[in-house]
Amino acid sequence: MQVLVQDAAAGRFDIVLSESMDRLSCDQEEIAHVFKRLSFTDIKIVTLSEGPVNELHVGLKGMMGALFLKDFADKTRRALRGRVEAGKSGGGNAYGYEVVRRLDAENQPVRGERKIDPVQAAIIIRIFNDYAAGKSPPASAKELNREGVAGPSGTDWGPSAIPGNPGRGTGILNNELYVGRLVWNRLLHQGPRDRKAGLPPQPGKSWITQDVPHLHIVGDDLWKR
């Protein structure tokens, strides 16, 4: 959308055509901003569904789009919560595990199942043993990089890959999945600026925790050290 507004300001077109307004954006604030900027440069928005777009369309359709997004987000989070409570992943994959790919009885893909990756699990145990013996996370990361061991991102081990952030549960040393505990909803999703500002941690009472013993990698005694 930023490119659209920039190109409009540069005079690269004099009309915007779309199937419907929600094809441009379902975000109420964003569509209002775009409409205002395009109107300032005397550029019209015309859609097959609404025809020439005016302020009334922006207000009504923007509100409907916002309600749709909220409802969709709520349904998605409920589905993810149910998956976590069943001991499955709520999204993404952690270092040390592989995605299980199989079909259910109805020939549909089963989602959220994980299994231990033995090669990466050995690296995780090594990191915990080294840390318990007094080796610093940066020293462990440098050693792994010298040996050509790929990190969680598939490239070198970065400075935060091992120590992470305890409050957010990030980093190898803070991932409770390694002791068979799946924790979900740890971070607070506040709004559209989350990706830039970073997600703050939520109070522990909001977390969803599920025991997953089949994903246990690090011994309890080693974890506590």
C-alpha atoms as a PDB file:
ATOM      1  CA  MET A   1       0.000   0.000   0.000  1.00  0.00           C
ATOM      2  CA  GLN A   2       2.919   2.332   0.635  1.00  0.00           C
ATOM      3  CA  VAL A   3       4.079   1.861  -2.945  1.00  0.00           C
ATOM      4  CA  LEU A   4       0.547   2.624  -4.184  1.00  0.00           C
ATOM      5  CA  VAL A   5       0.471   5.901  -2.255  1.00  0.00           C
ATOM      6  CA  GLN A   6       3.996   6.816  -3.367  1.00  0.00           C
ATOM      7  CA  ASP A   7       3.211   6.124  -7.019  1.00  0.00           C
ATOM      8  CA  ALA A   8       0.024   8.180  -6.715  1.00  0.00           C
ATOM      9  CA  ALA A   9       1.989  11.123  -5.333  1.00  0.00           C
ATOM     10  CA  ALA A  10       4.424  10.741  -8.239  1.00  0.00           C
ATOM     11  CA  GLY A  11       1.527  11.000 -10.723  1.00  0.00           C
ATOM     12  CA  ARG A  12       2.037   7.556 -12.241  1.00  0.00           C
ATOM     13  CA  PHE A  13      -1.705   6.901 -12.617  1.00  0.00           C
ATOM     14  CA  ASP A  14      -5.016   8.740 -12.276  1.00  0.00           C
ATOM     15  CA  ILE A  15      -7.351   5.929 -11.140  1.00  0.00           C
ATOM     16  CA  VAL A  16      -7.190   2.784  -8.987  1.00  0.00           C
ATOM     17  CA  LEU A  17      -9.271  -0.181 -10.145  1.00  0.00           C
ATOM     18  CA  SER A  18     -10.027  -3.134  -7.893  1.00  0.00           C
ATOM     19  CA  GLU A  19     -12.444  -6.042  -7.576  1.00  0.00           C
ATOM     20  CA  SER A  20     -13.652  -4.693  -4.224  1.00  0.00           C
ATOM     21  CA  MET A  21     -12.389  -2.526  -1.390  1.00  0.00           C
ATOM     22  CA  ASP A  22     -11.343  -5.494   0.710  1.00  0.00           C
ATOM     23  CA  ARG A  23      -8.941  -6.464  -2.068  1.00  0.00           C
ATOM     24  CA  LEU A  24      -7.100  -3.249  -1.308  1.00  0.00           C
ATOM     25  CA  SER A  25      -7.199  -3.658   2.469  1.00  0.00           C
ATOM     26  CA  CYS A  26      -9.419  -4.993   5.251  1.00  0.00           C
ATOM     27  CA  ASP A  27      -7.798  -2.651   7.750  1.00  0.00           C
ATOM     28  CA  GLN A  28     -10.103   0.266   8.574  1.00  0.00           C
ATOM     29  CA  GLU A  29      -7.312   2.689   9.386  1.00  0.00           C
ATOM     30  CA  GLU A  30      -5.253   1.768   6.340  1.00  0.00           C
ATOM     31  CA  ILE A  31      -8.060   2.070   3.777  1.00  0.00           C
ATOM     32  CA  ALA A  32      -9.086   5.447   5.228  1.00  0.00           C
ATOM     33  CA  HIS A  33      -5.481   6.649   5.017  1.00  0.00           C
ATOM     34  CA  VAL A  34      -5.110   5.488   1.413  1.00  0.00           C
ATOM     35  CA  PHE A  35      -8.431   7.051   0.389  1.00  0.00           C
ATOM     36  CA  LYS A  36      -7.414  10.356   1.967  1.00  0.00           C
ATOM     37  CA  ARG A  37      -4.014  10.403   0.275  1.00  0.00           C
ATOM     38  CA  LEU A  38      -5.429   9.473  -3.129  1.00  0.00           C
ATOM     39  CA  SER A  39      -8.216  12.040  -2.828  1.00  0.00           C
ATOM     40  CA  PHE A  40      -5.607  14.700  -2.086  1.00  0.00           C
ATOM     41  CA  THR A  41      -3.970  13.948  -5.455  1.00  0.00           C
ATOM     42  CA  ASP A  42      -7.393  13.763  -7.167  1.00  0.00           C
ATOM     43  CA  ILE A  43      -7.098  10.030  -7.879  1.00  0.00           C
ATOM     44  CA  LYS A  44     -10.316   7.998  -7.823  1.00  0.00           C
ATOM     45  CA  ILE A  45     -10.803   4.483  -6.471  1.00  0.00           C
ATOM     46  CA  VAL A  46     -13.286   2.423  -8.487  1.00  0.00           C
ATOM     47  CA  THR A  47     -14.240  -1.172  -7.687  1.00  0.00           C
ATOM     48  CA  LEU A  48     -16.470  -3.714  -9.404  1.00  0.00           C
ATOM     49  CA  SER A  49     -18.432  -4.242  -6.180  1.00  0.00           C
ATOM     50  CA  GLU A  50     -18.905  -0.661  -4.980  1.00  0.00           C
ATOM     51  CA  GLY A  51     -18.353   1.426  -8.092  1.00  0.00           C
ATOM     52  CA  PRO A  52     -16.718   4.822  -7.465  1.00  0.00           C
ATOM     53  CA  VAL A  53     -15.617   4.776  -3.826  1.00  0.00           C
ATOM     54  CA  ASN A  54     -16.605   7.670  -1.562  1.00  0.00           C
ATOM     55  CA  GLU A  55     -16.373   8.498   2.152  1.00  0.00           C
ATOM     56  CA  LEU A  56     -19.478   6.431   2.950  1.00  0.00           C
ATOM     57  CA  HIS A  57     -17.941   3.333   1.380  1.00  0.00           C
ATOM     58  CA  VAL A  58     -14.732   3.893   3.306  1.00  0.00           C
ATOM     59  CA  GLY A  59     -16.578   4.176   6.604  1.00  0.00           C
ATOM     60  CA  LEU A  60     -18.960   1.240   6.162  1.00  0.00           C
ATOM     61  CA  LYS A  61     -16.694  -1.141   4.280  1.00  0.00           C
ATOM     62  CA  GLY A  62     -13.771  -0.239   6.489  1.00  0.00           C
ATOM     63  CA  MET A  63     -15.777  -1.115   9.586  1.00  0.00           C
ATOM     64  CA  MET A  64     -16.995  -4.374   8.025  1.00  0.00           C
ATOM     65  CA  GLY A  65     -13.440  -5.273   7.074  1.00  0.00           C
ATOM     66  CA  ALA A  66     -12.194  -4.564  10.586  1.00  0.00           C
ATOM     67  CA  LEU A  67     -14.933  -6.755  12.090  1.00  0.00           C
ATOM     68  CA  PHE A  68     -14.076  -9.536   9.639  1.00  0.00           C
ATOM     69  CA  LEU A  69     -10.400  -9.380  10.589  1.00  0.00           C
ATOM     70  CA  LYS A  70     -11.208  -9.483  14.306  1.00  0.00           C
ATOM     71  CA  ASP A  71     -13.558 -12.434  13.874  1.00  0.00           C
ATOM     72  CA  PHE A  72     -11.000 -14.250  11.736  1.00  0.00           C
ATOM     73  CA  ALA A  73      -8.241 -13.602  14.291  1.00  0.00           C
ATOM     74  CA  ASP A  74     -10.436 -14.847  17.152  1.00  0.00           C
ATOM     75  CA  LYS A  75     -11.303 -18.040  15.264  1.00  0.00           C
ATOM     76  CA  THR A  76      -7.656 -18.618  14.394  1.00  0.00           C
ATOM     77  CA  ARG A  77      -6.524 -18.226  18.004  1.00  0.00           C
ATOM     78  CA  ARG A  78      -9.267 -20.574  19.222  1.00  0.00           C
ATOM     79  CA  ALA A  79      -8.147 -23.171  16.689  1.00  0.00           C
ATOM     80  CA  LEU A  80      -4.506 -22.758  17.707  1.00  0.00           C
ATOM     81  CA  ARG A  81      -5.395 -23.039  21.385  1.00  0.00           C
ATOM     82  CA  GLY A  82      -7.228 -26.293  20.707  1.00  0.00           C
ATOM     83  CA  ARG A  83      -4.213 -27.588  18.822  1.00  0.00           C
ATOM     84  CA  VAL A  84      -1.862 -26.695  21.693  1.00  0.00           C
ATOM     85  CA  GLU A  85      -4.155 -28.289  24.270  1.00  0.00           C
ATOM     86  CA  ALA A  86      -3.919 -31.449  22.172  1.00  0.00           C
ATOM     87  CA  GLY A  87      -0.131 -31.326  22.520  1.00  0.00           C
ATOM     88  CA  LYS A  88       0.528 -30.027  19.016  1.00  0.00           C
ATOM     89  CA  SER A  89       2.427 -26.995  17.782  1.00  0.00           C
ATOM     90  CA  GLY A  90       0.624 -23.653  17.783  1.00  0.00           C
ATOM     91  CA  GLY A  91       2.728 -22.439  14.871  1.00  0.00           C
ATOM     92  CA  GLY A  92       6.327 -22.514  13.730  1.00  0.00           C
ATOM     93  CA  ASN A  93       8.962 -25.068  14.601  1.00  0.00           C
ATOM     94  CA  ALA A  94      11.706 -24.980  17.213  1.00  0.00           C
ATOM     95  CA  TYR A  95      15.310 -26.057  16.760  1.00  0.00           C
ATOM     96  CA  GLY A  96      15.632 -29.711  17.693  1.00  0.00           C
ATOM     97  CA  TYR A  97      12.430 -30.914  16.066  1.00  0.00           C
ATOM     98  CA  GLU A  98      11.101 -32.046  12.708  1.00  0.00           C
ATOM     99  CA  VAL A  99       7.632 -31.529  11.288  1.00  0.00           C
ATOM    100  CA  VAL A 100       5.678 -34.784  11.064  1.00  0.00           C
ATOM    101  CA  ARG A 101       4.055 -35.090   7.661  1.00  0.00           C
ATOM    102  CA  ARG A 102       1.233 -37.617   7.472  1.00  0.00           C
ATOM    103  CA  LEU A 103      -2.416 -37.934   6.471  1.00  0.00           C
ATOM    104  CA  ASP A 104      -5.332 -38.715   8.750  1.00  0.00           C
ATOM    105  CA  ALA A 105      -8.071 -41.301   8.176  1.00  0.00           C
ATOM    106  CA  GLU A 106      -9.853 -38.878   5.831  1.00  0.00           C
ATOM    107  CA  ASN A 107      -6.691 -38.368   3.779  1.00  0.00           C
ATOM    108  CA  GLN A 108      -6.221 -34.839   5.106  1.00  0.00           C
ATOM    109  CA  PRO A 109      -2.841 -33.521   6.292  1.00  0.00           C
ATOM    110  CA  VAL A 110      -2.332 -33.672  10.054  1.00  0.00           C
ATOM    111  CA  ARG A 111      -1.045 -30.327  11.314  1.00  0.00           C
ATOM    112  CA  GLY A 112       1.017 -29.405  14.341  1.00  0.00           C
ATOM    113  CA  GLU A 113       2.763 -32.707  15.043  1.00  0.00           C
ATOM    114  CA  ARG A 114       6.487 -32.689  15.770  1.00  0.00           C
ATOM    115  CA  LYS A 115       9.183 -35.258  16.489  1.00  0.00           C
ATOM    116  CA  ILE A 116      12.716 -34.968  17.836  1.00  0.00           C
ATOM    117  CA  ASP A 117      15.531 -34.389  15.339  1.00  0.00           C
ATOM    118  CA  PRO A 118      18.327 -36.562  16.805  1.00  0.00           C
ATOM    119  CA  VAL A 119      21.187 -34.565  15.271  1.00  0.00           C
ATOM    120  CA  GLN A 120      19.915 -31.209  16.507  1.00  0.00           C
ATOM    121  CA  ALA A 121      18.911 -32.727  19.854  1.00  0.00           C
ATOM    122  CA  ALA A 122      22.536 -33.737  20.404  1.00  0.00           C
ATOM    123  CA  ILE A 123      23.609 -30.122  19.792  1.00  0.00           C
ATOM    124  CA  ILE A 124      21.015 -28.887  22.302  1.00  0.00           C
ATOM    125  CA  ILE A 125      22.249 -31.279  24.986  1.00  0.00           C
ATOM    126  CA  ARG A 126      25.824 -30.210  24.251  1.00  0.00           C
ATOM    127  CA  ILE A 127      24.899 -26.540  24.680  1.00  0.00           C
ATOM    128  CA  PHE A 128      23.229 -27.224  28.030  1.00  0.00           C
ATOM    129  CA  ASN A 129      26.167 -29.321  29.247  1.00  0.00           C
ATOM    130  CA  ASP A 130      28.646 -26.619  28.217  1.00  0.00           C
ATOM    131  CA  TYR A 131      26.559 -23.943  29.926  1.00  0.00           C
ATOM    132  CA  ALA A 132      26.338 -26.013  33.124  1.00  0.00           C
ATOM    133  CA  ALA A 133      30.132 -26.426  32.997  1.00  0.00           C
ATOM    134  CA  GLY A 134      30.610 -22.652  32.861  1.00  0.00           C
ATOM    135  CA  LYS A 135      31.009 -21.989  29.147  1.00  0.00           C
ATOM    136  CA  SER A 136      29.318 -18.748  28.081  1.00  0.00           C
ATOM    137  CA  PRO A 137      26.654 -18.746  25.350  1.00  0.00           C
ATOM    138  CA  PRO A 138      28.797 -16.526  23.046  1.00  0.00           C
ATOM    139  CA  ALA A 139      31.693 -18.974  23.408  1.00  0.00           C
ATOM    140  CA  SER A 140      29.416 -21.907  22.553  1.00  0.00           C
ATOM    141  CA  ALA A 141      28.038 -20.049  19.533  1.00  0.00           C
ATOM    142  CA  LYS A 142      31.524 -19.253  18.227  1.00  0.00           C
ATOM    143  CA  GLU A 143      32.604 -22.865  18.677  1.00  0.00           C
ATOM    144  CA  LEU A 144      29.590 -24.193  16.794  1.00  0.00           C
ATOM    145  CA  ASN A 145      30.182 -21.693  13.993  1.00  0.00           C
ATOM    146  CA  ARG A 146      33.837 -22.750  13.716  1.00  0.00           C
ATOM    147  CA  GLU A 147      32.692 -26.354  13.385  1.00  0.00           C
ATOM    148  CA  GLY A 148      30.214 -25.421  10.669  1.00  0.00           C
ATOM    149  CA  VAL A 149      27.147 -26.443  12.690  1.00  0.00           C
ATOM    150  CA  ALA A 150      24.089 -24.601  11.360  1.00  0.00           C
ATOM    151  CA  GLY A 151      22.013 -22.628  13.854  1.00  0.00           C
ATOM    152  CA  PRO A 152      18.219 -22.436  14.228  1.00  0.00           C
ATOM    153  CA  SER A 153      17.906 -20.159  11.194  1.00  0.00           C
ATOM    154  CA  GLY A 154      19.935 -22.533   9.034  1.00  0.00           C
ATOM    155  CA  THR A 155      22.942 -20.196   9.045  1.00  0.00           C
ATOM    156  CA  ASP A 156      25.474 -19.188  11.720  1.00  0.00           C
ATOM    157  CA  TRP A 157      24.604 -19.076  15.406  1.00  0.00           C
ATOM    158  CA  GLY A 158      23.767 -15.455  16.226  1.00  0.00           C
ATOM    159  CA  PRO A 159      24.553 -13.750  19.544  1.00  0.00           C
ATOM    160  CA  SER A 160      21.032 -14.283  20.916  1.00  0.00           C
ATOM    161  CA  ALA A 161      20.332 -17.774  19.543  1.00  0.00           C
ATOM    162  CA  ILE A 162      21.508 -19.517  22.718  1.00  0.00           C
ATOM    163  CA  PRO A 163      20.815 -17.062  25.614  1.00  0.00           C
ATOM    164  CA  GLY A 164      17.671 -15.545  24.079  1.00  0.00           C
ATOM    165  CA  ASN A 165      15.303 -13.646  26.342  1.00  0.00           C
ATOM    166  CA  PRO A 166      14.071 -15.466  29.488  1.00  0.00           C
ATOM    167  CA  GLY A 167      10.972 -13.261  29.761  1.00  0.00           C
ATOM    168  CA  ARG A 168       9.921 -14.130  26.223  1.00  0.00           C
ATOM    169  CA  GLY A 169      11.009 -17.751  26.444  1.00  0.00           C
ATOM    170  CA  THR A 170      13.308 -17.381  23.431  1.00  0.00           C
ATOM    171  CA  GLY A 171      16.737 -18.880  22.871  1.00  0.00           C
ATOM    172  CA  ILE A 172      17.955 -22.436  23.347  1.00  0.00           C
ATOM    173  CA  LEU A 173      18.453 -22.067  27.109  1.00  0.00           C
ATOM    174  CA  ASN A 174      14.882 -20.843  27.733  1.00  0.00           C
ATOM    175  CA  ASN A 175      12.818 -23.143  25.534  1.00  0.00           C
ATOM    176  CA  GLU A 176      10.672 -25.225  27.893  1.00  0.00           C
ATOM    177  CA  LEU A 177       9.787 -27.551  25.047  1.00  0.00           C
ATOM    178  CA  TYR A 178      13.175 -29.181  25.639  1.00  0.00           C
ATOM    179  CA  VAL A 179      11.891 -30.461  28.997  1.00  0.00           C
ATOM    180  CA  GLY A 180       8.567 -31.580  27.566  1.00  0.00           C
ATOM    181  CA  ARG A 181       6.474 -28.462  28.260  1.00  0.00           C
ATOM    182  CA  LEU A 182       4.685 -26.734  25.410  1.00  0.00           C
ATOM    183  CA  VAL A 183       3.993 -23.079  26.281  1.00  0.00           C
ATOM    184  CA  TRP A 184       1.732 -20.963  24.063  1.00  0.00           C
ATOM    185  CA  ASN A 185       0.349 -17.424  24.275  1.00  0.00           C
ATOM    186  CA  ARG A 186       3.420 -16.194  26.121  1.00  0.00           C
ATOM    187  CA  LEU A 187       3.553 -12.922  24.170  1.00  0.00           C
ATOM    188  CA  LEU A 188       0.909 -10.189  24.023  1.00  0.00           C
ATOM    189  CA  HIS A 189      -0.418  -9.336  20.552  1.00  0.00           C
ATOM    190  CA  GLN A 190      -1.332  -5.672  20.864  1.00  0.00           C
ATOM    191  CA  GLY A 191      -1.861  -4.282  17.404  1.00  0.00           C
ATOM    192  CA  PRO A 192      -0.508  -3.440  13.962  1.00  0.00           C
ATOM    193  CA  ARG A 193       2.834  -2.145  15.247  1.00  0.00           C
ATOM    194  CA  ASP A 194       3.780  -5.401  16.974  1.00  0.00           C
ATOM    195  CA  ARG A 195       6.289  -6.472  14.355  1.00  0.00           C
ATOM    196  CA  LYS A 196       8.266  -3.267  14.660  1.00  0.00           C
ATOM    197  CA  ALA A 197       8.085  -2.800  18.406  1.00  0.00           C
ATOM    198  CA  GLY A 198       8.399  -6.442  19.436  1.00  0.00           C
ATOM    199  CA  LEU A 199       5.792  -8.391  21.355  1.00  0.00           C
ATOM    200  CA  PRO A 200       5.824  -7.867  25.139  1.00  0.00           C
ATOM    201  CA  PRO A 201       5.445 -10.902  27.414  1.00  0.00           C
ATOM    202  CA  GLN A 202       2.032 -11.676  28.888  1.00  0.00           C
ATOM    203  CA  PRO A 203       1.372 -12.509  32.554  1.00  0.00           C
ATOM    204  CA  GLY A 204       1.892 -16.193  33.286  1.00  0.00           C
ATOM    205  CA  LYS A 205      -1.808 -16.702  34.014  1.00  0.00           C
ATOM    206  CA  SER A 206      -2.535 -16.143  30.309  1.00  0.00           C
ATOM    207  CA  TRP A 207      -0.153 -18.859  29.153  1.00  0.00           C
ATOM    208  CA  ILE A 208      -1.398 -22.196  27.879  1.00  0.00           C
ATOM    209  CA  THR A 209       0.913 -24.999  29.039  1.00  0.00           C
ATOM    210  CA  GLN A 210       0.707 -28.614  27.934  1.00  0.00           C
ATOM    211  CA  ASP A 211       2.942 -31.560  28.831  1.00  0.00           C
ATOM    212  CA  VAL A 212       4.490 -33.194  25.749  1.00  0.00           C
ATOM    213  CA  PRO A 213       6.825 -35.891  27.102  1.00  0.00           C
ATOM    214  CA  HIS A 214       7.540 -37.270  23.617  1.00  0.00           C
ATOM    215  CA  LEU A 215       9.369 -33.994  22.844  1.00  0.00           C
ATOM    216  CA  HIS A 216      11.566 -34.105  25.975  1.00  0.00           C
ATOM    217  CA  ILE A 217      15.249 -33.592  25.042  1.00  0.00           C
ATOM    218  CA  VAL A 218      17.053 -32.137  28.084  1.00  0.00           C
ATOM    219  CA  GLY A 219      17.048 -33.927  31.431  1.00  0.00           C
ATOM    220  CA  ASP A 220      15.304 -32.111  34.275  1.00  0.00           C
ATOM    221  CA  ASP A 221      18.473 -31.922  36.397  1.00  0.00           C
ATOM    222  CA  LEU A 222      20.486 -30.457  33.525  1.00  0.00           C
ATOM    223  CA  TRP A 223      17.708 -27.931  32.800  1.00  0.00           C
ATOM    224  CA  LYS A 224      17.726 -26.695  36.390  1.00  0.00           C
ATOM    225  CA  ARG A 225      21.481 -26.179  36.337  1.00  0.00           C
END
